[in-house]
């Protein structure tokens, strides 16, 4: 869902694009990682994490797209309602929000 053709998220007037989506399964709790670029600051890479606890396992869901819809909505809320993308960024690393 986040890697659809236009990959744009957030407010319509802003140019924030999804660059990559991945699952971080390294720790005891998995997390969905979404990497974003702001069109007005293309040198900055922003990262957003969403915890994927056991309740989001495909085996426990009738609709496997439900977690994707919830994650997409939460990302939109983080961008529109706050905290939004940080004003400062380090072009050498991912700036998490």
PDB file of N, CA and C in Angstrom:
ATOM      1  N   UNK A   1       0.814  -1.196   0.000  1.00  0.00           N
ATOM      2  CA  UNK A   1       0.000   0.000   0.000  1.00  0.00           C
ATOM      3  C   UNK A   1       0.859   1.262   0.000  1.00  0.00           C
ATOM      4  N   UNK A   2       1.936   1.241   0.757  1.00  0.00           N
ATOM      5  CA  UNK A   2       2.797   2.428   0.835  1.00  0.00           C
ATOM      6  C   UNK A   2       3.730   2.554  -0.360  1.00  0.00           C
ATOM      7  N   UNK A   3       3.900   1.478  -1.092  1.00  0.00           N
ATOM      8  CA  UNK A   3       4.778   1.521  -2.262  1.00  0.00           C
ATOM      9  C   UNK A   3       3.981   1.585  -3.561  1.00  0.00           C
ATOM     10  N   UNK A   4       2.772   2.135  -3.470  1.00  0.00           N
ATOM     11  CA  UNK A   4       1.972   2.274  -4.684  1.00  0.00           C
ATOM     12  C   UNK A   4       2.670   3.213  -5.657  1.00  0.00           C
ATOM     13  N   UNK A   5       2.118   3.332  -6.829  1.00  0.00           N
ATOM     14  CA  UNK A   5       2.803   4.029  -7.918  1.00  0.00           C
ATOM     15  C   UNK A   5       3.259   5.450  -7.575  1.00  0.00           C
ATOM     16  N   UNK A   6       2.396   6.285  -6.964  1.00  0.00           N
ATOM     17  CA  UNK A   6       2.801   7.670  -6.717  1.00  0.00           C
ATOM     18  C   UNK A   6       3.614   7.828  -5.436  1.00  0.00           C
ATOM     19  N   UNK A   7       3.448   6.912  -4.465  1.00  0.00           N
ATOM     20  CA  UNK A   7       4.226   6.875  -3.225  1.00  0.00           C
ATOM     21  C   UNK A   7       4.165   8.148  -2.385  1.00  0.00           C
ATOM     22  N   UNK A   8       3.225   9.026  -2.626  1.00  0.00           N
ATOM     23  CA  UNK A   8       3.112  10.280  -1.891  1.00  0.00           C
ATOM     24  C   UNK A   8       2.276  10.059  -0.644  1.00  0.00           C
ATOM     25  N   UNK A   9       2.701  10.648   0.490  1.00  0.00           N
ATOM     26  CA  UNK A   9       1.963  10.556   1.749  1.00  0.00           C
ATOM     27  C   UNK A   9       1.913  11.932   2.390  1.00  0.00           C
ATOM     28  N   UNK A  10       1.027  12.088   3.378  1.00  0.00           N
ATOM     29  CA  UNK A  10       0.940  13.351   4.114  1.00  0.00           C
ATOM     30  C   UNK A  10      -0.030  14.329   3.489  1.00  0.00           C
ATOM     31  N   UNK A  11       0.208  15.602   3.744  1.00  0.00           N
ATOM     32  CA  UNK A  11      -0.666  16.665   3.240  1.00  0.00           C
ATOM     33  C   UNK A  11      -0.557  16.786   1.721  1.00  0.00           C
ATOM     34  N   UNK A  12      -1.676  17.101   1.074  1.00  0.00           N
ATOM     35  CA  UNK A  12      -1.649  17.216  -0.399  1.00  0.00           C
ATOM     36  C   UNK A  12      -0.656  18.253  -0.906  1.00  0.00           C
ATOM     37  N   UNK A  13      -0.461  19.340  -0.174  1.00  0.00           N
ATOM     38  CA  UNK A  13       0.436  20.404  -0.648  1.00  0.00           C
ATOM     39  C   UNK A  13       1.917  20.092  -0.403  1.00  0.00           C
ATOM     40  N   UNK A  14       2.207  19.083   0.391  1.00  0.00           N
ATOM     41  CA  UNK A  14       3.597  18.712   0.658  1.00  0.00           C
ATOM     42  C   UNK A  14       4.028  17.600  -0.288  1.00  0.00           C
ATOM     43  N   UNK A  15       5.314  17.531  -0.518  1.00  0.00           N
ATOM     44  CA  UNK A  15       5.850  16.505  -1.418  1.00  0.00           C
ATOM     45  C   UNK A  15       6.699  15.529  -0.613  1.00  0.00           C
ATOM     46  N   UNK A  16       6.038  14.676   0.143  1.00  0.00           N
ATOM     47  CA  UNK A  16       6.719  13.646   0.925  1.00  0.00           C
ATOM     48  C   UNK A  16       6.437  12.315   0.243  1.00  0.00           C
ATOM     49  N   UNK A  17       7.515  11.599  -0.080  1.00  0.00           N
ATOM     50  CA  UNK A  17       7.399  10.364  -0.847  1.00  0.00           C
ATOM     51  C   UNK A  17       7.991   9.188  -0.076  1.00  0.00           C
ATOM     52  N   UNK A  18       7.347   8.039  -0.189  1.00  0.00           N
ATOM     53  CA  UNK A  18       7.860   6.803   0.406  1.00  0.00           C
ATOM     54  C   UNK A  18       8.984   6.294  -0.485  1.00  0.00           C
ATOM     55  N   UNK A  19      10.141   6.101   0.108  1.00  0.00           N
ATOM     56  CA  UNK A  19      11.282   5.571  -0.637  1.00  0.00           C
ATOM     57  C   UNK A  19      11.400   4.062  -0.481  1.00  0.00           C
ATOM     58  N   UNK A  20      11.140   3.568   0.738  1.00  0.00           N
ATOM     59  CA  UNK A  20      11.281   2.132   0.972  1.00  0.00           C
ATOM     60  C   UNK A  20      10.420   1.741   2.159  1.00  0.00           C
ATOM     61  N   UNK A  21       9.985   0.483   2.177  1.00  0.00           N
ATOM     62  CA  UNK A  21       9.245  -0.096   3.295  1.00  0.00           C
ATOM     63  C   UNK A  21       9.890  -1.438   3.578  1.00  0.00           C
ATOM     64  N   UNK A  22      10.175  -1.691   4.855  1.00  0.00           N
ATOM     65  CA  UNK A  22      10.785  -2.980   5.208  1.00  0.00           C
ATOM     66  C   UNK A  22      10.331  -3.408   6.597  1.00  0.00           C
ATOM     67  N   UNK A  23      10.542  -4.661   6.897  1.00  0.00           N
ATOM     68  CA  UNK A  23      10.226  -5.210   8.209  1.00  0.00           C
ATOM     69  C   UNK A  23      11.530  -5.433   8.954  1.00  0.00           C
ATOM     70  N   UNK A  24      11.638  -4.850  10.138  1.00  0.00           N
ATOM     71  CA  UNK A  24      12.806  -5.055  10.995  1.00  0.00           C
ATOM     72  C   UNK A  24      12.471  -6.186  11.949  1.00  0.00           C
ATOM     73  N   UNK A  25      13.029  -7.343  11.707  1.00  0.00           N
ATOM     74  CA  UNK A  25      12.765  -8.520  12.530  1.00  0.00           C
ATOM     75  C   UNK A  25      13.961  -8.856  13.412  1.00  0.00           C
ATOM     76  N   UNK A  26      14.867  -7.911  13.609  1.00  0.00           N
ATOM     77  CA  UNK A  26      16.096  -8.174  14.351  1.00  0.00           C
ATOM     78  C   UNK A  26      15.858  -8.335  15.846  1.00  0.00           C
ATOM     79  N   UNK A  27      14.924  -7.585  16.395  1.00  0.00           N
ATOM     80  CA  UNK A  27      14.696  -7.633  17.835  1.00  0.00           C
ATOM     81  C   UNK A  27      13.551  -8.551  18.202  1.00  0.00           C
ATOM     82  N   UNK A  28      13.224  -8.580  19.495  1.00  0.00           N
ATOM     83  CA  UNK A  28      12.125  -9.450  19.933  1.00  0.00           C
ATOM     84  C   UNK A  28      10.773  -8.999  19.379  1.00  0.00           C
ATOM     85  N   UNK A  29      10.612  -7.704  19.146  1.00  0.00           N
ATOM     86  CA  UNK A  29       9.387  -7.189  18.533  1.00  0.00           C
ATOM     87  C   UNK A  29       9.722  -6.689  17.141  1.00  0.00           C
ATOM     88  N   UNK A  30       8.945  -7.116  16.184  1.00  0.00           N
ATOM     89  CA  UNK A  30       9.163  -6.667  14.812  1.00  0.00           C
ATOM     90  C   UNK A  30       8.647  -5.246  14.656  1.00  0.00           C
ATOM     91  N   UNK A  31       9.191  -4.516  13.707  1.00  0.00           N
ATOM     92  CA  UNK A  31       8.733  -3.155  13.426  1.00  0.00           C
ATOM     93  C   UNK A  31       8.672  -2.945  11.924  1.00  0.00           C
ATOM     94  N   UNK A  32       7.660  -2.241  11.495  1.00  0.00           N
ATOM     95  CA  UNK A  32       7.567  -1.802  10.118  1.00  0.00           C
ATOM     96  C   UNK A  32       8.390  -0.528  10.005  1.00  0.00           C
ATOM     97  N   UNK A  33       9.291  -0.479   9.054  1.00  0.00           N
ATOM     98  CA  UNK A  33      10.147   0.690   8.831  1.00  0.00           C
ATOM     99  C   UNK A  33       9.738   1.318   7.506  1.00  0.00           C
ATOM    100  N   UNK A  34       9.454   2.615   7.537  1.00  0.00           N
ATOM    101  CA  UNK A  34       9.123   3.353   6.316  1.00  0.00           C
ATOM    102  C   UNK A  34      10.145   4.471   6.174  1.00  0.00           C
ATOM    103  N   UNK A  35      10.830   4.505   5.030  1.00  0.00           N
ATOM    104  CA  UNK A  35      11.802   5.561   4.741  1.00  0.00           C
ATOM    105  C   UNK A  35      11.166   6.548   3.768  1.00  0.00           C
ATOM    106  N   UNK A  36      11.332   7.833   4.065  1.00  0.00           N
ATOM    107  CA  UNK A  36      10.665   8.897   3.332  1.00  0.00           C
ATOM    108  C   UNK A  36      11.641   9.959   2.875  1.00  0.00           C
ATOM    109  N   UNK A  37      11.274  10.634   1.801  1.00  0.00           N
ATOM    110  CA  UNK A  37      12.025  11.808   1.327  1.00  0.00           C
ATOM    111  C   UNK A  37      11.051  12.969   1.204  1.00  0.00           C
ATOM    112  N   UNK A  38      11.499  14.126   1.625  1.00  0.00           N
ATOM    113  CA  UNK A  38      10.746  15.361   1.467  1.00  0.00           C
ATOM    114  C   UNK A  38      11.251  16.019   0.190  1.00  0.00           C
ATOM    115  N   UNK A  39      10.357  16.263  -0.765  1.00  0.00           N
ATOM    116  CA  UNK A  39      10.749  16.841  -2.048  1.00  0.00           C
ATOM    117  C   UNK A  39      11.455  18.166  -1.927  1.00  0.00           C
ATOM    118  N   UNK A  40      11.184  18.915  -0.841  1.00  0.00           N
ATOM    119  CA  UNK A  40      11.858  20.204  -0.662  1.00  0.00           C
ATOM    120  C   UNK A  40      13.235  20.050  -0.020  1.00  0.00           C
ATOM    121  N   UNK A  41      13.536  18.847   0.504  1.00  0.00           N
ATOM    122  CA  UNK A  41      14.845  18.553   1.104  1.00  0.00           C
ATOM    123  C   UNK A  41      15.293  17.165   0.651  1.00  0.00           C
ATOM    124  N   UNK A  42      15.598  16.989  -0.625  1.00  0.00           N
ATOM    125  CA  UNK A  42      15.889  15.647  -1.143  1.00  0.00           C
ATOM    126  C   UNK A  42      17.134  15.002  -0.545  1.00  0.00           C
ATOM    127  N   UNK A  43      18.012  15.773   0.074  1.00  0.00           N
ATOM    128  CA  UNK A  43      19.206  15.199   0.684  1.00  0.00           C
ATOM    129  C   UNK A  43      18.946  14.565   2.033  1.00  0.00           C
ATOM    130  N   UNK A  44      17.741  14.719   2.555  1.00  0.00           N
ATOM    131  CA  UNK A  44      17.388  14.184   3.873  1.00  0.00           C
ATOM    132  C   UNK A  44      16.580  12.899   3.715  1.00  0.00           C
ATOM    133  N   UNK A  45      16.953  11.882   4.468  1.00  0.00           N
ATOM    134  CA  UNK A  45      16.208  10.628   4.506  1.00  0.00           C
ATOM    135  C   UNK A  45      15.576  10.524   5.888  1.00  0.00           C
ATOM    136  N   UNK A  46      14.250  10.376   5.922  1.00  0.00           N
ATOM    137  CA  UNK A  46      13.529  10.293   7.182  1.00  0.00           C
ATOM    138  C   UNK A  46      13.028   8.877   7.391  1.00  0.00           C
ATOM    139  N   UNK A  47      12.968   8.461   8.660  1.00  0.00           N
ATOM    140  CA  UNK A  47      12.506   7.125   8.979  1.00  0.00           C
ATOM    141  C   UNK A  47      11.402   7.153  10.013  1.00  0.00           C
ATOM    142  N   UNK A  48      10.443   6.243   9.854  1.00  0.00           N
ATOM    143  CA  UNK A  48       9.313   6.097  10.771  1.00  0.00           C
ATOM    144  C   UNK A  48       9.173   4.623  11.104  1.00  0.00           C
ATOM    145  N   UNK A  49       8.990   4.312  12.385  1.00  0.00           N
ATOM    146  CA  UNK A  49       8.840   2.922  12.842  1.00  0.00           C
ATOM    147  C   UNK A  49       7.443   2.721  13.400  1.00  0.00           C
ATOM    148  N   UNK A  50       6.904   1.540  13.116  1.00  0.00           N
ATOM    149  CA  UNK A  50       5.614   1.158  13.685  1.00  0.00           C
ATOM    150  C   UNK A  50       5.744  -0.257  14.225  1.00  0.00           C
ATOM    151  N   UNK A  51       5.544  -0.449  15.549  1.00  0.00           N
ATOM    152  CA  UNK A  51       5.721  -1.786  16.131  1.00  0.00           C
ATOM    153  C   UNK A  51       4.707  -2.779  15.584  1.00  0.00           C
ATOM    154  N   UNK A  52       5.212  -3.958  15.251  1.00  0.00           N
ATOM    155  CA  UNK A  52       4.363  -5.038  14.738  1.00  0.00           C
ATOM    156  C   UNK A  52       4.376  -6.172  15.760  1.00  0.00           C
ATOM    157  N   UNK A  53       3.531  -6.053  16.770  1.00  0.00           N
ATOM    158  CA  UNK A  53       3.446  -7.076  17.802  1.00  0.00           C
ATOM    159  C   UNK A  53       2.779  -8.337  17.289  1.00  0.00           C
ATOM    160  N   UNK A  54       2.699  -9.355  18.133  1.00  0.00           N
ATOM    161  CA  UNK A  54       2.125 -10.646  17.718  1.00  0.00           C
ATOM    162  C   UNK A  54       0.672 -10.529  17.253  1.00  0.00           C
ATOM    163  N   UNK A  55      -0.045  -9.498  17.714  1.00  0.00           N
ATOM    164  CA  UNK A  55      -1.444  -9.354  17.311  1.00  0.00           C
ATOM    165  C   UNK A  55      -1.603  -9.048  15.817  1.00  0.00           C
ATOM    166  N   UNK A  56      -0.503  -8.672  15.139  1.00  0.00           N
ATOM    167  CA  UNK A  56      -0.571  -8.360  13.710  1.00  0.00           C
ATOM    168  C   UNK A  56      -0.103  -9.522  12.841  1.00  0.00           C
ATOM    169  N   UNK A  57       0.075 -10.685  13.412  1.00  0.00           N
ATOM    170  CA  UNK A  57       0.509 -11.832  12.615  1.00  0.00           C
ATOM    171  C   UNK A  57      -0.571 -12.212  11.605  1.00  0.00           C
ATOM    172  N   UNK A  58      -0.164 -12.571  10.402  1.00  0.00           N
ATOM    173  CA  UNK A  58      -1.108 -12.948   9.350  1.00  0.00           C
ATOM    174  C   UNK A  58      -2.009 -14.100   9.782  1.00  0.00           C
ATOM    175  N   UNK A  59      -1.481 -15.005  10.601  1.00  0.00           N
ATOM    176  CA  UNK A  59      -2.261 -16.166  11.009  1.00  0.00           C
ATOM    177  C   UNK A  59      -3.467 -15.770  11.857  1.00  0.00           C
ATOM    178  N   UNK A  60      -3.384 -14.632  12.548  1.00  0.00           N
ATOM    179  CA  UNK A  60      -4.473 -14.242  13.447  1.00  0.00           C
ATOM    180  C   UNK A  60      -5.459 -13.282  12.788  1.00  0.00           C
ATOM    181  N   UNK A  61      -5.259 -12.958  11.520  1.00  0.00           N
ATOM    182  CA  UNK A  61      -6.113 -11.981  10.852  1.00  0.00           C
ATOM    183  C   UNK A  61      -6.899 -12.604   9.709  1.00  0.00           C
ATOM    184  N   UNK A  62      -8.140 -12.192   9.593  1.00  0.00           N
ATOM    185  CA  UNK A  62      -8.927 -12.640   8.454  1.00  0.00           C
ATOM    186  C   UNK A  62      -8.515 -11.890   7.195  1.00  0.00           C
ATOM    187  N   UNK A  63      -8.161 -10.628   7.345  1.00  0.00           N
ATOM    188  CA  UNK A  63      -7.779  -9.797   6.206  1.00  0.00           C
ATOM    189  C   UNK A  63      -6.313  -9.405   6.363  1.00  0.00           C
ATOM    190  N   UNK A  64      -5.394  -9.970   5.573  1.00  0.00           N
ATOM    191  CA  UNK A  64      -3.972  -9.667   5.747  1.00  0.00           C
ATOM    192  C   UNK A  64      -3.619  -8.216   5.426  1.00  0.00           C
ATOM    193  N   UNK A  65      -4.512  -7.480   4.784  1.00  0.00           N
ATOM    194  CA  UNK A  65      -4.236  -6.082   4.465  1.00  0.00           C
ATOM    195  C   UNK A  65      -4.601  -5.138   5.605  1.00  0.00           C
ATOM    196  N   UNK A  66      -5.287  -5.656   6.622  1.00  0.00           N
ATOM    197  CA  UNK A  66      -5.698  -4.801   7.732  1.00  0.00           C
ATOM    198  C   UNK A  66      -4.515  -4.109   8.413  1.00  0.00           C
ATOM    199  N   UNK A  67      -3.425  -4.822   8.762  1.00  0.00           N
ATOM    200  CA  UNK A  67      -2.284  -4.127   9.379  1.00  0.00           C
ATOM    201  C   UNK A  67      -1.695  -3.059   8.466  1.00  0.00           C
ATOM    202  N   UNK A  68      -1.677  -3.300   7.158  1.00  0.00           N
ATOM    203  CA  UNK A  68      -1.150  -2.308   6.219  1.00  0.00           C
ATOM    204  C   UNK A  68      -2.012  -1.054   6.224  1.00  0.00           C
ATOM    205  N   UNK A  69      -3.328  -1.230   6.291  1.00  0.00           N
ATOM    206  CA  UNK A  69      -4.217  -0.068   6.334  1.00  0.00           C
ATOM    207  C   UNK A  69      -4.010   0.729   7.620  1.00  0.00           C
ATOM    208  N   UNK A  70      -3.868   0.038   8.747  1.00  0.00           N
ATOM    209  CA  UNK A  70      -3.653   0.710  10.033  1.00  0.00           C
ATOM    210  C   UNK A  70      -2.310   1.435  10.031  1.00  0.00           C
ATOM    211  N   UNK A  71      -1.263   0.786   9.544  1.00  0.00           N
ATOM    212  CA  UNK A  71       0.064   1.419   9.489  1.00  0.00           C
ATOM    213  C   UNK A  71       0.042   2.653   8.595  1.00  0.00           C
ATOM    214  N   UNK A  72      -0.610   2.561   7.444  1.00  0.00           N
ATOM    215  CA  UNK A  72      -0.707   3.696   6.530  1.00  0.00           C
ATOM    216  C   UNK A  72      -1.439   4.858   7.196  1.00  0.00           C
ATOM    217  N   UNK A  73      -2.517   4.569   7.902  1.00  0.00           N
ATOM    218  CA  UNK A  73      -3.263   5.619   8.609  1.00  0.00           C
ATOM    219  C   UNK A  73      -2.409   6.247   9.714  1.00  0.00           C
ATOM    220  N   UNK A  74      -1.675   5.416  10.469  1.00  0.00           N
ATOM    221  CA  UNK A  74      -0.816   5.949  11.540  1.00  0.00           C
ATOM    222  C   UNK A  74       0.308   6.814  10.989  1.00  0.00           C
ATOM    223  N   UNK A  75       0.876   6.419   9.877  1.00  0.00           N
ATOM    224  CA  UNK A  75       1.917   7.230   9.256  1.00  0.00           C
ATOM    225  C   UNK A  75       1.332   8.577   8.830  1.00  0.00           C
ATOM    226  N   UNK A  76       0.166   8.555   8.207  1.00  0.00           N
ATOM    227  CA  UNK A  76      -0.490   9.795   7.807  1.00  0.00           C
ATOM    228  C   UNK A  76      -0.762  10.705   8.994  1.00  0.00           C
ATOM    229  N   UNK A  77      -1.213  10.125  10.108  1.00  0.00           N
ATOM    230  CA  UNK A  77      -1.455  10.917  11.324  1.00  0.00           C
ATOM    231  C   UNK A  77      -0.163  11.510  11.855  1.00  0.00           C
ATOM    232  N   UNK A  78       0.930  10.760  11.796  1.00  0.00           N
ATOM    233  CA  UNK A  78       2.227  11.270  12.270  1.00  0.00           C
ATOM    234  C   UNK A  78       2.710  12.434  11.414  1.00  0.00           C
ATOM    235  N   UNK A  79       2.427  12.381  10.127  1.00  0.00           N
ATOM    236  CA  UNK A  79       2.865  13.444   9.226  1.00  0.00           C
ATOM    237  C   UNK A  79       1.961  14.676   9.304  1.00  0.00           C
ATOM    238  N   UNK A  80       0.658  14.458   9.384  1.00  0.00           N
ATOM    239  CA  UNK A  80      -0.295  15.566   9.340  1.00  0.00           C
ATOM    240  C   UNK A  80      -0.559  16.141  10.732  1.00  0.00           C
ATOM    241  N   UNK A  81      -0.820  15.266  11.702  1.00  0.00           N
ATOM    242  CA  UNK A  81      -1.202  15.716  13.030  1.00  0.00           C
ATOM    243  C   UNK A  81      -0.037  15.921  13.977  1.00  0.00           C
ATOM    244  N   UNK A  82       1.086  15.411  13.658  1.00  0.00           N
ATOM    245  CA  UNK A  82       2.268  15.563  14.498  1.00  0.00           C
ATOM    246  C   UNK A  82       2.852  14.225  14.828  1.00  0.00           C
ATOM    247  N   UNK A  83       4.101  14.142  15.013  1.00  0.00           N
ATOM    248  CA  UNK A  83       5.043  15.256  15.073  1.00  0.00           C
ATOM    249  C   UNK A  83       5.443  15.813  13.707  1.00  0.00           C
ATOM    250  N   UNK A  84       5.162  15.105  12.627  1.00  0.00           N
ATOM    251  CA  UNK A  84       5.600  15.564  11.308  1.00  0.00           C
ATOM    252  C   UNK A  84       7.091  15.343  11.124  1.00  0.00           C
ATOM    253  N   UNK A  85       7.580  15.705   9.963  1.00  0.00           N
ATOM    254  CA  UNK A  85       9.012  15.550   9.695  1.00  0.00           C
ATOM    255  C   UNK A  85       9.793  16.603  10.479  1.00  0.00           C
ATOM    256  N   UNK A  86      10.905  16.206  11.074  1.00  0.00           N
ATOM    257  CA  UNK A  86      11.731  17.181  11.800  1.00  0.00           C
ATOM    258  C   UNK A  86      12.262  18.259  10.853  1.00  0.00           C
ATOM    259  N   UNK A  87      12.443  19.449  11.379  1.00  0.00           N
ATOM    260  CA  UNK A  87      12.992  20.545  10.571  1.00  0.00           C
ATOM    261  C   UNK A  87      14.466  20.316  10.256  1.00  0.00           C
ATOM    262  N   UNK A  88      15.196  19.775  11.211  1.00  0.00           N
ATOM    263  CA  UNK A  88      16.624  19.524  11.031  1.00  0.00           C
ATOM    264  C   UNK A  88      16.836  18.069  10.626  1.00  0.00           C
ATOM    265  N   UNK A  89      17.858  17.846   9.808  1.00  0.00           N
ATOM    266  CA  UNK A  89      18.203  16.479   9.435  1.00  0.00           C
ATOM    267  C   UNK A  89      19.708  16.390   9.218  1.00  0.00           C
ATOM    268  N   UNK A  90      20.203  15.174   9.313  1.00  0.00           N
ATOM    269  CA  UNK A  90      21.601  14.890   9.037  1.00  0.00           C
ATOM    270  C   UNK A  90      21.640  14.106   7.729  1.00  0.00           C
ATOM    271  N   UNK A  91      22.175  14.695   6.651  1.00  0.00           N
ATOM    272  CA  UNK A  91      22.177  14.003   5.367  1.00  0.00           C
ATOM    273  C   UNK A  91      23.005  12.712   5.349  1.00  0.00           C
ATOM    274  N   UNK A  92      23.783  12.476   6.399  1.00  0.00           N
ATOM    275  CA  UNK A  92      24.633  11.284   6.460  1.00  0.00           C
ATOM    276  C   UNK A  92      23.927  10.084   7.072  1.00  0.00           C
ATOM    277  N   UNK A  93      22.732  10.276   7.634  1.00  0.00           N
ATOM    278  CA  UNK A  93      22.057   9.193   8.322  1.00  0.00           C
ATOM    279  C   UNK A  93      20.547   9.346   8.189  1.00  0.00           C
ATOM    280  N   UNK A  94      19.783   8.400   8.726  1.00  0.00           N
ATOM    281  CA  UNK A  94      18.335   8.480   8.735  1.00  0.00           C
ATOM    282  C   UNK A  94      17.912   9.351   9.913  1.00  0.00           C
ATOM    283  N   UNK A  95      17.029  10.294   9.677  1.00  0.00           N
ATOM    284  CA  UNK A  95      16.474  11.133  10.731  1.00  0.00           C
ATOM    285  C   UNK A  95      15.120  10.526  11.104  1.00  0.00           C
ATOM    286  N   UNK A  96      15.034   9.951  12.308  1.00  0.00           N
ATOM    287  CA  UNK A  96      13.818   9.268  12.759  1.00  0.00           C
ATOM    288  C   UNK A  96      12.844  10.260  13.372  1.00  0.00           C
ATOM    289  N   UNK A  97      11.569   9.994  13.169  1.00  0.00           N
ATOM    290  CA  UNK A  97      10.533  10.804  13.826  1.00  0.00           C
ATOM    291  C   UNK A  97       9.430   9.912  14.353  1.00  0.00           C
TER     292      UNK A  97
END
